[in-house]
């Protein structure tokens, strides 16, 4: 009589519990991989937007300075360029803080 509950525990309960633990671990690892991929994609999008914004502002400032070739070879004053670069660098720092890669 005592042997059957022990047999049942080792032959049925433990394998089911182990399978459930493995499934939960696998699901957790899968979700972590998905989250990491999503985070990497969000980071790249944020960095791309910082560059796009920089380029658009560069061209807009070029036109404000009434340069003739803003679409093909834009030029700006050094102080304006440094300001735009600083803004872009700050935007990229924000991206790395917002979407850390671990």
Protein backbone atom coordinates (compact mmCIF):
# COMPACT_ATOMS: atom_id res chain seq x y z
CA UNK A 1 0.00 0.00 0.00
CA UNK A 2 2.72 2.50 0.89
CA UNK A 3 4.70 1.72 -2.26
CA UNK A 4 2.02 2.87 -4.71
CA UNK A 5 1.93 6.55 -3.61
CA UNK A 6 5.71 6.65 -3.77
CA UNK A 7 5.69 5.02 -7.19
CA UNK A 8 2.98 7.43 -8.38
CA UNK A 9 4.98 10.41 -7.09
CA UNK A 10 8.16 9.41 -8.94
CA UNK A 11 6.52 8.12 -12.11
CA UNK A 12 3.79 10.73 -12.66
CA UNK A 13 4.11 13.85 -10.53
CA UNK A 14 7.84 14.54 -10.82
CA UNK A 15 8.03 14.19 -14.64
CA UNK A 16 4.98 16.45 -15.05
CA UNK A 17 6.42 19.03 -12.66
CA UNK A 18 9.80 18.94 -14.42
CA UNK A 19 8.13 19.37 -17.80
CA UNK A 20 6.15 22.34 -16.47
CA UNK A 21 9.30 23.95 -15.03
CA UNK A 22 11.14 23.46 -18.34
CA UNK A 23 8.23 24.95 -20.28
CA UNK A 24 8.07 27.99 -17.99
CA UNK A 25 11.84 28.50 -18.30
CA UNK A 26 11.67 28.17 -22.08
CA UNK A 27 8.78 30.66 -22.24
CA UNK A 28 10.71 33.08 -20.05
CA UNK A 29 13.85 32.81 -22.21
CA UNK A 30 11.79 33.31 -25.36
CA UNK A 31 10.11 36.43 -23.94
CA UNK A 32 13.50 37.82 -22.88
CA UNK A 33 14.83 37.30 -26.41
CA UNK A 34 11.77 39.03 -27.89
CA UNK A 35 12.12 41.93 -25.44
CA UNK A 36 15.82 42.30 -26.22
CA UNK A 37 15.13 42.34 -29.97
CA UNK A 38 12.32 44.87 -29.55
CA UNK A 39 14.56 47.04 -27.38
CA UNK A 40 17.37 46.91 -29.96
CA UNK A 41 14.92 47.89 -32.71
CA UNK A 42 13.58 50.78 -30.64
CA UNK A 43 17.13 51.96 -29.95
CA UNK A 44 18.03 51.89 -33.64
CA UNK A 45 14.85 53.76 -34.55
CA UNK A 46 15.59 56.41 -31.92
CA UNK A 47 19.17 56.83 -33.18
CA UNK A 48 17.96 57.06 -36.78
CA UNK A 49 15.45 59.76 -35.80
CA UNK A 50 18.22 61.75 -34.10
CA UNK A 51 20.22 61.65 -37.35
CA UNK A 52 17.19 62.50 -39.50
CA UNK A 53 16.35 65.44 -37.27
CA UNK A 54 19.95 66.65 -37.45
CA UNK A 55 19.97 66.47 -41.26
CA UNK A 56 16.63 68.22 -41.60
CA UNK A 57 17.65 71.01 -39.22
CA UNK A 58 20.99 71.35 -41.01
CA UNK A 59 19.24 71.84 -44.33
CA UNK A 60 16.65 74.20 -42.84
CA UNK A 61 19.35 76.32 -41.19
CA UNK A 62 21.29 76.36 -44.43
CA UNK A 63 18.26 77.78 -46.21
CA UNK A 64 17.78 80.35 -43.45
CA UNK A 65 21.33 81.51 -44.06
CA UNK A 66 20.37 81.85 -47.75
CA UNK A 67 23.02 79.48 -49.07
CA UNK A 68 22.53 78.58 -52.72
CA UNK A 69 23.31 74.84 -52.67
CA UNK A 70 21.54 73.64 -49.54
CA UNK A 71 20.19 70.50 -51.18
CA UNK A 72 23.43 69.38 -52.82
CA UNK A 73 26.24 70.81 -50.69
CA UNK A 74 24.90 72.64 -47.65
CA UNK A 75 27.19 74.85 -45.61
CA UNK A 76 26.67 76.49 -42.24
CA UNK A 77 28.62 78.54 -39.76
CA UNK A 78 30.77 76.52 -37.36
CA UNK A 79 28.78 77.66 -34.32
CA UNK A 80 25.51 76.52 -35.90
CA UNK A 81 27.00 73.14 -36.80
CA UNK A 82 28.35 72.66 -33.28
CA UNK A 83 24.93 73.47 -31.84
CA UNK A 84 23.23 70.98 -34.12
CA UNK A 85 25.81 68.31 -33.36
CA UNK A 86 25.39 68.90 -29.64
CA UNK A 87 21.62 68.53 -29.96
CA UNK A 88 22.07 65.32 -31.96
CA UNK A 89 24.53 63.93 -29.41
CA UNK A 90 22.10 64.73 -26.59
CA UNK A 91 19.29 63.00 -28.48
CA UNK A 92 21.46 59.92 -28.97
CA UNK A 93 22.41 59.87 -25.28
CA UNK A 94 18.71 59.95 -24.49
CA UNK A 95 18.20 56.97 -26.82
CA UNK A 96 20.85 54.92 -25.03
CA UNK A 97 19.34 55.76 -21.65
CA UNK A 98 15.80 55.08 -22.82
CA UNK A 99 16.66 51.75 -24.51
CA UNK A 100 19.65 50.24 -22.67
CA UNK A 101 21.25 47.17 -24.21
CA UNK A 102 22.07 44.51 -21.64
